[in-house]
Amino acid sequence: MQEAAVLSEMATPSEKPKLRIFLCAPRGFCAGVVRAIDAVEQALRIYGAPVYVRHEIVHNKYVVEGLKAKGAIFVEELDEIPDTSRPVIFSAHGVPKSIHAEAEERKIFALDATCPLVTKVHREAELHYKRGRQVILVGHAGHPEVVGTLGQLPKGSILLVQTPEDVEKLENVDEGNLAYVTQTTLSIDDTRSMVDALTRRFPHIIGPHKEDICYATTNRQEAVKRIAPVVDAMIVVGSSNSSNSQRLKEVAERSGCKLARLVLRADDVDWDLFQNVGSVGITAGASAPEVLVEEIMNAFAERFELDVEIVSTADESVFFPLPRELRPGGMGRAAYEADDVVEIDDE
């Protein structure tokens, strides 16, 4: 009798509504983010707490809070650091040269966790400047990466443009001696329209040997483009201050998804919006950890009977080594200023 009751209960259809989940791949952490987070954790292991970090190491509140709990202290400026004998890590977004100079002047042991792909953009801008070219930067004003790139050259040497209209308004430029670089986390489509606007107005402008939009940004946007037109809703896991996460939401909307939301974790989901949907796409920005994707998936599983399909558009195997002074056998402070260089092809 008892066994029959158990079997009967198992056979009872789920009362949960059915929901198809299309899980984007790749999603989440990119190699630059992994490197930056590993740099903080390795510095804590080697030097102990506290380790200071200038600006959020990556734009994700969950990650930042986790590192705070381990002993990292986040500051916006170097003058907030009371003990200059402690290591200070520069975030993945990169910093102006003035910050490196300030650290050197105060004899701060600085560890640079700038993403190598951002460093590539810095080196490109420097190369163009040394060759006497006027440099145009395509990016979002105020974003830390843009602030860092602008700060690689003397003030006023780089012109920032955000829209095609900005391109048309440019004045006092040497039209025959121009080059451009871009922020690495922009929308692929927006960047293409900006490049089109630049090349229309300045036919001889010189661009990067290889586009500056990072591989992870490209891959995550392409996966969203494939899924967004065929789902009722799209969730992007990421922080509101994350440029690449915001772009994923915008790409979903432009690709035809009428309901796209950027959320940090499951508690941020407005579940009333998902009562009558039959399919949801889920992705994560390059600074969002997989544990938050899993948390949101579990929250959906509590409310729906899920049918999950993984949609993969690319394989990623990119790896960036830690700053030299943090690698096994590294020389600690003695290795400062001896870190790897991202090479830029000469013309």
Protein backbone atom coordinates (compact mmCIF):
# COMPACT_ATOMS: atom_id res chain seq x y z
CA MET A 1 0.00 0.00 0.00
CA GLN A 2 2.71 2.44 1.05
CA GLU A 3 4.82 1.60 -2.05
CA ALA A 4 1.81 2.11 -4.31
CA ALA A 5 1.17 5.51 -2.73
CA VAL A 6 4.76 6.55 -3.34
CA LEU A 7 4.59 5.44 -6.98
CA SER A 8 1.30 7.27 -7.40
CA GLU A 9 2.85 10.44 -5.96
CA MET A 10 5.83 10.14 -8.30
CA ALA A 11 3.54 9.79 -11.28
CA THR A 12 1.60 12.94 -10.44
CA PRO A 13 2.35 15.57 -13.09
CA SER A 14 4.19 18.65 -11.88
CA GLU A 15 1.89 21.51 -11.01
CA LYS A 16 4.56 23.99 -12.01
CA PRO A 17 4.18 25.73 -15.35
CA LYS A 18 6.64 24.64 -18.02
CA LEU A 19 9.43 26.97 -19.06
CA ARG A 20 12.12 26.64 -21.70
CA ILE A 21 15.48 28.08 -20.72
CA PHE A 22 18.03 28.93 -23.40
CA LEU A 23 21.39 29.26 -21.68
CA CYS A 24 23.97 31.29 -23.59
CA ALA A 25 27.49 29.98 -24.03
CA PRO A 26 29.93 31.50 -23.60
CA ARG A 27 28.82 33.67 -20.69
CA GLY A 28 30.28 35.07 -17.49
CA PHE A 29 33.91 35.59 -16.57
CA CYS A 30 36.42 36.44 -19.28
CA ALA A 31 40.18 35.87 -19.03
CA GLY A 32 40.86 39.48 -18.00
CA VAL A 33 38.36 39.30 -15.13
CA VAL A 34 39.73 35.95 -13.95
CA ARG A 35 43.24 37.42 -13.97
CA ALA A 36 42.18 40.49 -11.99
CA ILE A 37 40.30 38.56 -9.32
CA ASP A 38 43.11 36.01 -9.05
CA ALA A 39 45.57 38.89 -8.63
CA VAL A 40 43.73 40.15 -5.53
CA GLU A 41 43.38 36.68 -4.04
CA GLN A 42 47.01 35.80 -4.72
CA ALA A 43 48.21 39.09 -3.22
CA LEU A 44 46.18 38.33 -0.09
CA ARG A 45 47.79 34.88 0.12
CA ILE A 46 51.32 36.21 -0.35
CA TYR A 47 51.19 39.48 1.61
CA GLY A 48 48.22 38.97 3.91
CA ALA A 49 45.46 41.45 4.61
CA PRO A 50 44.89 44.21 3.97
CA VAL A 51 45.52 44.53 0.26
CA TYR A 52 44.23 47.76 -1.26
CA VAL A 53 42.47 47.91 -4.62
CA ARG A 54 42.01 51.17 -6.50
CA HIS A 55 38.45 51.16 -7.85
CA GLU A 56 36.32 48.01 -8.05
CA ILE A 57 38.62 45.29 -9.37
CA VAL A 58 35.80 44.36 -11.77
CA HIS A 59 32.30 45.80 -11.98
CA ASN A 60 30.38 43.23 -9.96
CA LYS A 61 29.12 43.91 -6.44
CA TYR A 62 29.01 40.23 -5.50
CA VAL A 63 32.68 39.77 -6.46
CA VAL A 64 33.74 42.97 -4.67
CA GLU A 65 31.93 42.05 -1.46
CA GLY A 66 33.50 38.59 -1.55
CA LEU A 67 36.99 40.08 -1.83
CA LYS A 68 36.25 42.56 0.96
CA ALA A 69 35.40 39.63 3.21
CA LYS A 70 38.83 38.15 2.47
CA GLY A 71 40.67 41.34 3.40
CA ALA A 72 40.68 43.57 0.33
CA ILE A 73 40.02 47.28 0.89
CA PHE A 74 38.64 49.22 -2.07
CA VAL A 75 39.47 52.89 -2.55
CA GLU A 76 38.86 55.36 -5.35
CA GLU A 77 42.10 57.33 -5.00
CA LEU A 78 45.58 56.52 -3.71
CA ASP A 79 45.48 59.27 -1.08
CA GLU A 80 42.85 57.22 0.76
CA ILE A 81 45.50 54.60 1.58
CA PRO A 82 46.98 55.20 5.05
CA ASP A 83 49.70 52.53 4.89
CA THR A 84 51.79 52.80 1.73
CA SER A 85 53.76 49.70 2.67
CA ARG A 86 50.75 47.56 1.73
CA PRO A 87 50.26 46.33 -1.86
CA VAL A 88 47.86 48.29 -4.05
CA ILE A 89 46.22 46.67 -7.06
CA PHE A 90 45.01 48.63 -10.07
CA SER A 91 41.71 47.34 -11.47
CA ALA A 92 41.15 45.48 -14.74
CA HIS A 93 39.87 48.69 -16.37
CA GLY A 94 43.30 50.33 -16.41
CA VAL A 95 44.42 53.67 -14.95
CA PRO A 96 45.89 56.93 -16.28
CA LYS A 97 49.67 57.27 -16.27
CA SER A 98 49.32 59.90 -13.56
CA ILE A 99 48.21 57.17 -11.15
CA HIS A 100 51.34 55.13 -11.84
CA ALA A 101 53.41 58.28 -11.32
CA GLU A 102 51.67 59.03 -8.02
CA ALA A 103 52.27 55.48 -6.81
CA GLU A 104 55.94 55.72 -7.71
CA GLU A 105 56.32 59.09 -6.01
CA ARG A 106 54.77 57.75 -2.79
CA LYS A 107 56.81 54.52 -3.09
CA ILE A 108 53.66 52.43 -3.18
CA PHE A 109 54.03 48.78 -4.18
CA ALA A 110 51.57 48.80 -7.08
CA LEU A 111 50.34 45.64 -8.82
CA ASP A 112 48.75 46.29 -12.19
CA ALA A 113 45.78 44.02 -12.96
CA THR A 114 44.81 45.92 -16.12
CA CYS A 115 43.33 43.53 -18.67
CA PRO A 116 45.97 42.89 -21.37
CA LEU A 117 43.39 43.76 -24.03
CA VAL A 118 42.94 47.18 -22.45
CA THR A 119 46.72 47.53 -22.31
CA LYS A 120 46.72 46.80 -26.06
CA VAL A 121 44.49 49.84 -26.62
CA HIS A 122 46.79 51.98 -24.45
CA ARG A 123 49.81 50.93 -26.49
CA GLU A 124 48.01 51.60 -29.77
CA ALA A 125 47.12 55.13 -28.66
CA GLU A 126 50.71 55.75 -27.57
CA LEU A 127 52.08 54.43 -30.86
CA HIS A 128 49.83 56.71 -32.92
CA TYR A 129 50.75 59.69 -30.76
CA LYS A 130 54.48 59.04 -31.17
CA ARG A 131 53.96 59.01 -34.93
CA GLY A 132 52.37 62.42 -34.76
CA ARG A 133 48.80 61.32 -35.33
CA GLN A 134 45.76 62.81 -33.68
CA VAL A 135 43.94 60.05 -31.78
CA ILE A 136 40.16 59.62 -31.53
CA LEU A 137 38.73 57.35 -28.82
CA VAL A 138 35.31 55.75 -29.26
CA GLY A 139 33.87 55.13 -25.81
CA HIS A 140 31.58 56.16 -22.97
CA ALA A 141 32.58 59.28 -21.07
CA GLY A 142 33.36 58.64 -17.41
CA HIS A 143 33.81 54.89 -17.69
CA PRO A 144 37.02 53.87 -15.85
CA GLU A 145 38.46 52.24 -18.96
CA VAL A 146 37.92 55.41 -20.97
CA VAL A 147 39.40 57.55 -18.18
CA GLY A 148 42.43 55.27 -18.15
CA THR A 149 42.89 55.39 -21.93
CA LEU A 150 42.53 59.18 -22.06
CA GLY A 151 45.17 59.35 -19.36
CA GLN A 152 47.81 57.55 -21.41
CA LEU A 153 48.60 60.70 -23.39
CA PRO A 154 48.99 64.39 -22.54
CA LYS A 155 45.70 66.13 -21.79
CA GLY A 156 43.81 67.00 -24.97
CA SER A 157 45.76 64.58 -27.16
CA ILE A 158 42.81 62.18 -27.48
CA LEU A 159 39.38 63.26 -28.70
CA LEU A 160 36.50 61.27 -27.21
CA VAL A 161 33.43 60.54 -29.36
CA GLN A 162 30.33 58.69 -28.17
CA THR A 163 27.87 59.00 -31.06
CA PRO A 164 27.96 59.46 -34.84
CA GLU A 165 26.74 63.01 -34.17
CA ASP A 166 29.91 63.62 -32.12
CA VAL A 167 31.94 62.58 -35.16
CA GLU A 168 30.17 65.12 -37.35
CA LYS A 169 30.80 67.87 -34.79
CA LEU A 170 34.56 67.31 -34.56
CA GLU A 171 36.51 70.47 -35.27
CA ASN A 172 40.17 71.43 -35.62
CA VAL A 173 41.31 67.95 -36.60
CA ASP A 174 44.12 67.00 -38.95
CA GLU A 175 41.94 65.03 -41.37
CA GLY A 176 44.88 63.43 -43.15
CA ASN A 177 46.67 62.34 -40.00
CA LEU A 178 44.11 60.62 -37.77
CA ALA A 179 43.83 57.28 -35.97
CA TYR A 180 41.16 55.79 -33.73
CA VAL A 181 40.95 53.29 -30.87
CA THR A 182 37.88 52.02 -29.00
CA GLN A 183 36.75 51.01 -25.55
CA THR A 184 36.86 47.21 -25.33
CA THR A 185 33.35 46.63 -23.92
CA LEU A 186 31.17 48.46 -26.43
CA SER A 187 28.29 47.08 -28.44
CA ILE A 188 29.63 45.54 -31.64
CA ASP A 189 26.88 47.17 -33.69
CA ASP A 190 27.31 50.59 -32.07
CA THR A 191 31.04 50.43 -32.65
CA ARG A 192 30.51 49.47 -36.30
CA SER A 193 28.26 52.50 -36.80
CA MET A 194 30.88 54.71 -35.13
CA VAL A 195 33.66 53.35 -37.32
CA ASP A 196 31.46 53.86 -40.39
CA ALA A 197 30.88 57.47 -39.34
CA LEU A 198 34.61 58.02 -38.80
CA THR A 199 35.66 56.46 -42.11
CA ARG A 200 32.96 58.36 -44.03
CA ARG A 201 34.13 61.70 -42.73
CA PHE A 202 37.83 60.84 -42.59
CA PRO A 203 38.56 58.31 -45.37
CA HIS A 204 42.26 58.09 -44.49
CA ILE A 205 41.79 57.48 -40.74
CA ILE A 206 43.87 54.58 -39.40
CA GLY A 207 42.19 51.90 -37.29
CA PRO A 208 43.53 49.09 -35.12
CA HIS A 209 45.35 46.17 -36.77
CA LYS A 210 42.87 43.98 -34.90
CA GLU A 211 39.62 45.43 -33.57
CA ASP A 212 39.71 46.64 -29.98
CA ILE A 213 36.37 45.13 -28.90
CA CYS A 214 37.45 42.22 -26.72
CA TYR A 215 36.79 38.62 -27.70
CA ALA A 216 34.54 38.04 -24.67
CA THR A 217 32.35 41.05 -25.44
CA THR A 218 31.99 39.86 -29.03
CA ASN A 219 31.20 36.25 -28.13
CA ARG A 220 28.62 37.10 -25.49
CA GLN A 221 26.83 39.55 -27.74
CA GLU A 222 26.72 37.04 -30.61
CA ALA A 223 25.13 34.41 -28.35
CA VAL A 224 22.48 36.91 -27.22
CA LYS A 225 21.75 37.84 -30.84
CA ARG A 226 21.03 34.21 -31.63
CA ILE A 227 18.71 33.65 -28.67
CA ALA A 228 16.93 36.99 -28.16
CA PRO A 229 14.66 36.81 -31.26
CA VAL A 230 13.19 33.43 -30.24
CA VAL A 231 12.51 33.89 -26.50
CA ASP A 232 9.80 35.74 -24.60
CA ALA A 233 12.26 37.25 -22.14
CA MET A 234 15.98 37.65 -21.53
CA ILE A 235 17.90 37.87 -18.27
CA VAL A 236 21.41 39.29 -18.20
CA VAL A 237 23.25 38.51 -14.99
CA GLY A 238 25.51 41.40 -14.05
CA SER A 239 25.90 44.67 -12.17
CA SER A 240 24.26 47.89 -13.31
CA ASN A 241 27.67 49.61 -13.49
CA SER A 242 29.09 46.94 -15.79
CA SER A 243 29.43 48.28 -19.33
CA ASN A 244 29.57 44.88 -21.01
CA SER A 245 26.50 43.69 -19.06
CA GLN A 246 24.51 46.80 -20.00
CA ARG A 247 25.45 46.25 -23.64
CA LEU A 248 24.14 42.66 -23.49
CA LYS A 249 20.75 43.94 -22.32
CA GLU A 250 20.71 46.50 -25.14
CA VAL A 251 21.68 43.85 -27.71
CA ALA A 252 18.82 41.63 -26.53
CA GLU A 253 16.32 44.47 -26.92
CA ARG A 254 17.63 45.45 -30.35
CA SER A 255 17.49 41.81 -31.45
CA GLY A 256 13.77 41.64 -30.81
CA CYS A 257 13.35 40.57 -27.18
CA LYS A 258 10.54 42.64 -25.66
CA LEU A 259 11.39 41.83 -22.03
CA ALA A 260 15.08 42.11 -21.15
CA ARG A 261 16.30 42.65 -17.61
CA LEU A 262 19.74 43.17 -16.07
CA VAL A 263 19.87 41.63 -12.59
CA LEU A 264 22.67 40.98 -10.12
CA ARG A 265 21.12 37.91 -8.51
CA ALA A 266 17.85 36.03 -7.94
CA ASP A 267 16.53 38.46 -5.32
CA ASP A 268 16.56 41.19 -7.98
CA VAL A 269 14.25 39.34 -10.38
CA ASP A 270 10.72 40.76 -10.61
CA TRP A 271 8.97 37.41 -10.79
CA ASP A 272 5.60 38.94 -11.67
CA LEU A 273 7.04 39.80 -15.09
CA PHE A 274 7.73 36.12 -15.82
CA GLN A 275 4.35 34.61 -14.91
CA ASN A 276 3.14 34.25 -18.49
CA VAL A 277 6.34 33.61 -20.43
CA GLY A 278 7.09 30.31 -22.12
CA SER A 279 10.79 30.80 -22.80
CA VAL A 280 13.67 32.75 -21.24
CA GLY A 281 17.22 33.32 -22.39
CA ILE A 282 19.91 33.68 -19.74
CA THR A 283 23.41 35.08 -20.13
CA ALA A 284 25.97 36.78 -17.90
CA GLY A 285 28.31 39.70 -18.37
CA ALA A 286 32.06 39.15 -18.44
CA SER A 287 32.38 40.25 -14.80
CA ALA A 288 29.55 38.07 -13.44
CA PRO A 289 30.44 34.78 -11.69
CA GLU A 290 28.76 31.52 -12.67
CA VAL A 291 27.48 31.03 -9.12
CA LEU A 292 24.99 33.86 -9.72
CA VAL A 293 23.76 32.22 -12.93
CA GLU A 294 23.24 29.00 -10.98
CA GLU A 295 21.39 30.90 -8.25
CA ILE A 296 18.98 32.37 -10.80
CA MET A 297 18.52 29.02 -12.53
CA ASN A 298 17.65 27.44 -9.17
CA ALA A 299 15.17 30.23 -8.48
CA PHE A 300 13.47 29.52 -11.83
CA ALA A 301 13.45 25.79 -11.04
CA GLU A 302 11.54 26.50 -7.81
CA ARG A 303 8.79 28.17 -9.81
CA PHE A 304 8.78 26.33 -13.15
CA GLU A 305 9.36 22.91 -14.64
CA LEU A 306 12.44 23.65 -16.72
CA ASP A 307 13.56 22.42 -20.11
CA VAL A 308 17.11 23.73 -20.47
CA GLU A 309 18.99 24.06 -23.75
CA ILE A 310 22.54 25.40 -24.04
CA VAL A 311 23.15 27.55 -27.10
CA SER A 312 26.86 27.81 -27.86
CA THR A 313 28.30 30.22 -30.42
CA ALA A 314 32.04 30.04 -29.63
CA ASP A 315 34.67 28.16 -27.66
CA GLU A 316 36.90 30.22 -25.40
CA SER A 317 40.35 29.13 -24.28
CA VAL A 318 42.02 32.51 -23.66
CA PHE A 319 44.29 32.72 -20.61
CA PHE A 320 46.23 35.68 -19.23
CA PRO A 321 49.01 35.03 -16.69
CA LEU A 322 49.10 36.92 -13.40
CA PRO A 323 51.30 39.98 -13.01
CA ARG A 324 54.85 38.67 -12.74
CA GLU A 325 55.33 39.57 -9.09
CA LEU A 326 52.36 37.37 -8.15
CA ARG A 327 53.38 34.25 -10.06
CA PRO A 328 55.00 31.26 -8.31
CA GLY A 329 58.70 32.05 -7.98
CA GLY A 330 58.07 35.73 -8.65
CA MET A 331 60.23 38.34 -6.97
CA GLY A 332 57.45 40.26 -5.25
CA ARG A 333 58.17 43.95 -5.07
CA ALA A 334 61.45 43.52 -6.94
CA ALA A 335 59.51 42.45 -10.00
CA TYR A 336 57.52 45.70 -10.02
CA GLU A 337 57.73 47.43 -13.41
CA ALA A 338 58.98 44.16 -14.97
CA ASP A 339 55.58 42.80 -15.92
CA ASP A 340 54.68 41.43 -19.33
CA VAL A 341 54.19 43.80 -22.23
CA VAL A 342 51.42 43.45 -24.77
CA GLU A 343 53.09 43.77 -28.15
CA ILE A 344 51.49 45.89 -30.86
CA ASP A 345 52.42 45.14 -34.45
CA ASP A 346 54.35 47.91 -36.14
CA GLU A 347 53.23 49.22 -39.51
